[in-house]
Amino acid sequence: MENGHNREKLNRNNLEEEVMESRDRRKNRNRNSLREEVTERQISQGKLKKNNLGEEVTKKKNNLGEEATKKRSSLEEEGAEEYIIIKKHRLKLKAESKGFNRY
């Protein structure tokens, strides 16, 4: 009887070991798959951030380009107005030097 009892104990111990090993394998698989998911998520988030930053840079460039164009246009207008004023002033000086007082 003792032999049968020892065999039962051995079988029970073997089963417990198998169950433990199986549980450990499952845990490791779950851990590994979680790691992979986290890694994939981090990679995709990094790509999203990179894309968002790229879009922001493009928007800023476009805005700066528009601002520069507006500034250039306004400077050209100011320059044209100043050119007209200078031209009128030169004509006035020329007329005064010839003895005419048209203005």
N, C-alpha and C. Protein backbone atom coordinates (compact mmCIF):
# COMPACT_ATOMS: atom_id res chain seq x y z
N MET A 1 0.81 -1.19 0.00
CA MET A 1 0.00 0.00 0.00
C MET A 1 0.85 1.25 0.00
N GLU A 2 1.90 1.16 0.74
CA GLU A 2 2.80 2.32 0.80
C GLU A 2 3.35 2.63 -0.59
N ASN A 3 3.65 1.61 -1.37
CA ASN A 3 4.12 1.80 -2.74
C ASN A 3 3.10 2.56 -3.58
N GLY A 4 1.84 2.17 -3.45
CA GLY A 4 0.76 2.84 -4.18
C GLY A 4 0.62 4.29 -3.74
N HIS A 5 0.76 4.49 -2.46
CA HIS A 5 0.68 5.85 -1.91
C HIS A 5 1.82 6.72 -2.43
N ASN A 6 3.02 6.16 -2.48
CA ASN A 6 4.18 6.90 -3.00
C ASN A 6 4.00 7.23 -4.48
N ARG A 7 3.45 6.24 -5.22
CA ARG A 7 3.20 6.52 -6.64
C ARG A 7 2.20 7.65 -6.82
N GLU A 8 1.16 7.64 -6.01
CA GLU A 8 0.16 8.72 -6.08
C GLU A 8 0.81 10.07 -5.80
N LYS A 9 1.65 10.09 -4.78
CA LYS A 9 2.37 11.33 -4.44
C LYS A 9 3.23 11.79 -5.61
N LEU A 10 3.96 10.84 -6.22
CA LEU A 10 4.81 11.17 -7.37
C LEU A 10 3.97 11.70 -8.52
N ASN A 11 2.87 11.02 -8.79
CA ASN A 11 1.98 11.48 -9.87
C ASN A 11 1.44 12.88 -9.58
N ARG A 12 1.03 13.08 -8.32
CA ARG A 12 0.51 14.38 -7.93
C ARG A 12 1.60 15.45 -8.09
N ASN A 13 2.81 15.13 -7.64
CA ASN A 13 3.94 16.08 -7.76
C ASN A 13 4.24 16.37 -9.23
N ASN A 14 4.23 15.31 -10.05
CA ASN A 14 4.48 15.50 -11.48
C ASN A 14 3.41 16.39 -12.11
N LEU A 15 2.16 16.13 -11.74
CA LEU A 15 1.06 16.96 -12.27
C LEU A 15 1.21 18.41 -11.83
N GLU A 16 1.53 18.59 -10.55
CA GLU A 16 1.73 19.96 -10.04
C GLU A 16 2.86 20.66 -10.79
N GLU A 17 3.94 19.93 -11.03
CA GLU A 17 5.06 20.51 -11.77
C GLU A 17 4.64 20.88 -13.19
N GLU A 18 3.89 19.98 -13.83
CA GLU A 18 3.43 20.27 -15.19
C GLU A 18 2.51 21.49 -15.21
N VAL A 19 1.62 21.54 -14.22
CA VAL A 19 0.71 22.69 -14.13
C VAL A 19 1.51 23.97 -13.93
N MET A 20 2.49 23.93 -13.05
CA MET A 20 3.33 25.12 -12.78
C MET A 20 4.09 25.53 -14.04
N GLU A 21 4.68 24.54 -14.72
CA GLU A 21 5.43 24.84 -15.93
C GLU A 21 4.51 25.43 -17.00
N SER A 22 3.34 24.85 -17.12
CA SER A 22 2.37 25.35 -18.10
C SER A 22 1.97 26.78 -17.76
N ARG A 23 1.72 27.04 -16.49
CA ARG A 23 1.36 28.39 -16.03
C ARG A 23 2.50 29.37 -16.32
N ASP A 24 3.73 28.95 -16.05
CA ASP A 24 4.90 29.80 -16.31
C ASP A 24 5.02 30.12 -17.80
N ARG A 25 4.81 29.08 -18.65
CA ARG A 25 4.89 29.32 -20.09
C ARG A 25 3.83 30.32 -20.54
N ARG A 26 2.61 30.13 -20.02
CA ARG A 26 1.53 31.07 -20.37
C ARG A 26 1.87 32.49 -19.93
N LYS A 27 2.36 32.62 -18.71
CA LYS A 27 2.75 33.94 -18.20
C LYS A 27 3.81 34.58 -19.10
N ASN A 28 4.81 33.79 -19.46
CA ASN A 28 5.87 34.31 -20.33
C ASN A 28 5.33 34.72 -21.69
N ARG A 29 4.43 33.88 -22.24
CA ARG A 29 3.82 34.23 -23.54
C ARG A 29 3.04 35.53 -23.43
N ASN A 30 2.24 35.63 -22.37
CA ASN A 30 1.45 36.85 -22.16
C ASN A 30 2.36 38.06 -21.99
N ARG A 31 3.40 37.89 -21.19
CA ARG A 31 4.36 38.96 -20.96
C ARG A 31 4.99 39.41 -22.28
N ASN A 32 5.41 38.41 -23.07
CA ASN A 32 6.05 38.72 -24.35
C ASN A 32 5.08 39.40 -25.31
N SER A 33 3.84 38.92 -25.35
CA SER A 33 2.89 39.55 -26.27
C SER A 33 2.56 40.96 -25.80
N LEU A 34 2.48 41.16 -24.48
CA LEU A 34 2.26 42.51 -23.96
C LEU A 34 3.41 43.43 -24.33
N ARG A 35 4.64 42.92 -24.19
CA ARG A 35 5.81 43.72 -24.57
C ARG A 35 5.74 44.11 -26.04
N GLU A 36 5.38 43.13 -26.88
CA GLU A 36 5.27 43.41 -28.31
C GLU A 36 4.21 44.46 -28.58
N GLU A 37 3.05 44.34 -27.91
CA GLU A 37 1.99 45.33 -28.09
C GLU A 37 2.45 46.71 -27.66
N VAL A 38 3.09 46.78 -26.52
CA VAL A 38 3.59 48.07 -26.02
C VAL A 38 4.59 48.65 -27.00
N THR A 39 5.50 47.82 -27.48
CA THR A 39 6.51 48.28 -28.43
C THR A 39 5.85 48.79 -29.71
N GLU A 40 4.88 48.02 -30.23
CA GLU A 40 4.18 48.45 -31.45
C GLU A 40 3.44 49.75 -31.21
N ARG A 41 2.79 49.88 -30.06
CA ARG A 41 2.05 51.10 -29.74
C ARG A 41 3.00 52.29 -29.66
N GLN A 42 4.14 52.09 -29.02
CA GLN A 42 5.12 53.17 -28.91
C GLN A 42 5.64 53.58 -30.28
N ILE A 43 5.88 52.59 -31.13
CA ILE A 43 6.36 52.89 -32.48
C ILE A 43 5.31 53.68 -33.24
N SER A 44 4.05 53.22 -33.18
CA SER A 44 3.00 53.92 -33.92
C SER A 44 2.77 55.32 -33.36
N GLN A 45 2.86 55.48 -32.04
CA GLN A 45 2.71 56.80 -31.44
C GLN A 45 3.86 57.71 -31.86
N GLY A 46 5.05 57.13 -31.93
CA GLY A 46 6.20 57.91 -32.39
C GLY A 46 6.01 58.37 -33.81
N LYS A 47 5.47 57.50 -34.66
CA LYS A 47 5.20 57.87 -36.05
C LYS A 47 4.14 58.95 -36.11
N LEU A 48 3.11 58.82 -35.26
CA LEU A 48 2.07 59.84 -35.24
C LEU A 48 2.65 61.18 -34.82
N LYS A 49 3.47 61.16 -33.77
CA LYS A 49 4.09 62.41 -33.31
C LYS A 49 4.94 63.01 -34.41
N LYS A 50 5.70 62.15 -35.08
CA LYS A 50 6.57 62.62 -36.15
C LYS A 50 5.74 63.24 -37.27
N ASN A 51 4.63 62.58 -37.64
CA ASN A 51 3.75 63.11 -38.68
C ASN A 51 3.13 64.43 -38.25
N ASN A 52 2.68 64.49 -36.99
CA ASN A 52 2.09 65.73 -36.48
C ASN A 52 3.10 66.86 -36.49
N LEU A 53 4.33 66.56 -36.06
CA LEU A 53 5.37 67.59 -36.07
C LEU A 53 5.65 68.05 -37.49
N GLY A 54 5.68 67.10 -38.42
CA GLY A 54 5.90 67.46 -39.82
C GLY A 54 4.81 68.37 -40.34
N GLU A 55 3.56 68.07 -39.98
CA GLU A 55 2.43 68.91 -40.39
C GLU A 55 2.55 70.30 -39.77
N GLU A 56 2.92 70.36 -38.50
CA GLU A 56 3.06 71.65 -37.83
C GLU A 56 4.15 72.49 -38.49
N VAL A 57 5.26 71.85 -38.82
CA VAL A 57 6.36 72.56 -39.48
C VAL A 57 5.90 73.09 -40.83
N THR A 58 5.18 72.27 -41.58
CA THR A 58 4.67 72.69 -42.88
C THR A 58 3.73 73.88 -42.73
N LYS A 59 2.82 73.81 -41.75
CA LYS A 59 1.89 74.92 -41.51
C LYS A 59 2.65 76.19 -41.16
N LYS A 60 3.65 76.05 -40.27
CA LYS A 60 4.44 77.23 -39.88
C LYS A 60 5.14 77.83 -41.08
N LYS A 61 5.73 76.96 -41.92
CA LYS A 61 6.41 77.46 -43.12
C LYS A 61 5.44 78.21 -44.01
N ASN A 62 4.25 77.63 -44.21
CA ASN A 62 3.25 78.28 -45.05
C ASN A 62 2.83 79.62 -44.45
N ASN A 63 2.60 79.65 -43.14
CA ASN A 63 2.21 80.90 -42.47
C ASN A 63 3.31 81.94 -42.60
N LEU A 64 4.56 81.52 -42.38
CA LEU A 64 5.67 82.46 -42.50
C LEU A 64 5.80 82.96 -43.94
N GLY A 65 5.59 82.06 -44.90
CA GLY A 65 5.64 82.46 -46.31
C GLY A 65 4.57 83.49 -46.63
N GLU A 66 3.35 83.26 -46.11
CA GLU A 66 2.26 84.21 -46.32
C GLU A 66 2.58 85.55 -45.67
N GLU A 67 3.09 85.50 -44.44
CA GLU A 67 3.44 86.74 -43.74
C GLU A 67 4.53 87.50 -44.51
N ALA A 68 5.51 86.77 -45.00
CA ALA A 68 6.59 87.41 -45.76
C ALA A 68 6.05 88.05 -47.03
N THR A 69 5.14 87.36 -47.70
CA THR A 69 4.54 87.91 -48.92
C THR A 69 3.75 89.17 -48.60
N LYS A 70 2.96 89.14 -47.53
CA LYS A 70 2.19 90.33 -47.13
C LYS A 70 3.13 91.49 -46.79
N LYS A 71 4.18 91.18 -46.03
CA LYS A 71 5.15 92.21 -45.63
C LYS A 71 5.82 92.80 -46.87
N ARG A 72 6.22 91.92 -47.79
CA ARG A 72 6.88 92.38 -49.02
C ARG A 72 5.93 93.28 -49.81
N SER A 73 4.67 92.88 -49.91
CA SER A 73 3.68 93.67 -50.64
C SER A 73 3.50 95.03 -50.00
N SER A 74 3.39 95.03 -48.67
CA SER A 74 3.18 96.32 -47.98
C SER A 74 4.42 97.20 -48.12
N LEU A 75 5.62 96.59 -48.06
CA LEU A 75 6.84 97.37 -48.25
C LEU A 75 6.93 97.92 -49.67
N GLU A 76 6.50 97.11 -50.64
CA GLU A 76 6.50 97.58 -52.03
C GLU A 76 5.54 98.75 -52.19
N GLU A 77 4.36 98.66 -51.54
CA GLU A 77 3.39 99.75 -51.61
C GLU A 77 3.97 101.01 -50.96
N GLU A 78 4.58 100.84 -49.78
CA GLU A 78 5.19 101.98 -49.10
C GLU A 78 6.29 102.57 -49.97
N GLY A 79 7.09 101.69 -50.56
CA GLY A 79 8.18 102.15 -51.43
C GLY A 79 7.63 102.90 -52.63
N ALA A 80 6.54 102.42 -53.21
CA ALA A 80 5.94 103.09 -54.36
C ALA A 80 5.41 104.46 -53.95
N GLU A 81 4.78 104.54 -52.79
CA GLU A 81 4.27 105.83 -52.30
C GLU A 81 5.42 106.80 -52.05
N GLU A 82 6.48 106.30 -51.41
CA GLU A 82 7.64 107.16 -51.16
C GLU A 82 8.29 107.59 -52.47
N TYR A 83 8.33 106.71 -53.45
CA TYR A 83 8.91 107.04 -54.75
C TYR A 83 8.10 108.17 -55.40
N ILE A 84 6.77 108.08 -55.31
CA ILE A 84 5.92 109.14 -55.88
C ILE A 84 6.16 110.46 -55.17
N ILE A 85 6.26 110.43 -53.85
CA ILE A 85 6.51 111.65 -53.08
C ILE A 85 7.86 112.25 -53.47
N ILE A 86 8.88 111.42 -53.58
CA ILE A 86 10.22 111.90 -53.96
C ILE A 86 10.18 112.48 -55.36
N LYS A 87 9.49 111.80 -56.26
CA LYS A 87 9.39 112.27 -57.64
C LYS A 87 8.72 113.64 -57.68
N LYS A 88 7.61 113.80 -56.93
CA LYS A 88 6.90 115.09 -56.89
C LYS A 88 7.82 116.17 -56.32
N HIS A 89 8.56 115.80 -55.26
CA HIS A 89 9.46 116.76 -54.63
C HIS A 89 10.56 117.19 -55.61
N ARG A 90 11.10 116.26 -56.37
CA ARG A 90 12.13 116.59 -57.36
C ARG A 90 11.57 117.51 -58.44
N LEU A 91 10.35 117.19 -58.89
CA LEU A 91 9.73 118.04 -59.91
C LEU A 91 9.51 119.46 -59.37
N LYS A 92 9.10 119.53 -58.11
CA LYS A 92 8.87 120.84 -57.48
C LYS A 92 10.19 121.62 -57.40
N LEU A 93 11.27 120.93 -56.96
CA LEU A 93 12.57 121.58 -56.88
C LEU A 93 13.05 122.03 -58.25
N LYS A 94 12.82 121.20 -59.23
CA LYS A 94 13.23 121.52 -60.59
C LYS A 94 12.47 122.75 -61.09
N ALA A 95 11.17 122.77 -60.80
CA ALA A 95 10.34 123.90 -61.23
C ALA A 95 10.77 125.17 -60.52
N GLU A 96 11.06 125.06 -59.23
CA GLU A 96 11.49 126.23 -58.46
C GLU A 96 12.83 126.74 -58.97
N SER A 97 13.71 125.81 -59.33
CA SER A 97 15.02 126.24 -59.81
C SER A 97 14.91 126.94 -61.16
N LYS A 98 13.86 126.65 -61.91
CA LYS A 98 13.66 127.32 -63.20
C LYS A 98 12.81 128.56 -63.04
N GLY A 99 12.35 128.80 -61.83
CA GLY A 99 11.59 130.01 -61.56
C GLY A 99 10.10 129.81 -61.62
N PHE A 100 9.64 128.63 -61.74
CA PHE A 100 8.20 128.38 -61.75
C PHE A 100 7.76 127.95 -60.36
N ASN A 101 6.63 128.38 -59.99
CA ASN A 101 6.07 128.01 -58.70
C ASN A 101 4.71 127.33 -58.92
N ARG A 102 4.75 126.08 -59.33
CA ARG A 102 3.50 125.39 -59.65
C ARG A 102 2.84 124.81 -58.40
N TYR A 103 3.52 124.61 -57.37
CA TYR A 103 2.95 123.95 -56.20
C TYR A 103 2.74 124.90 -55.09
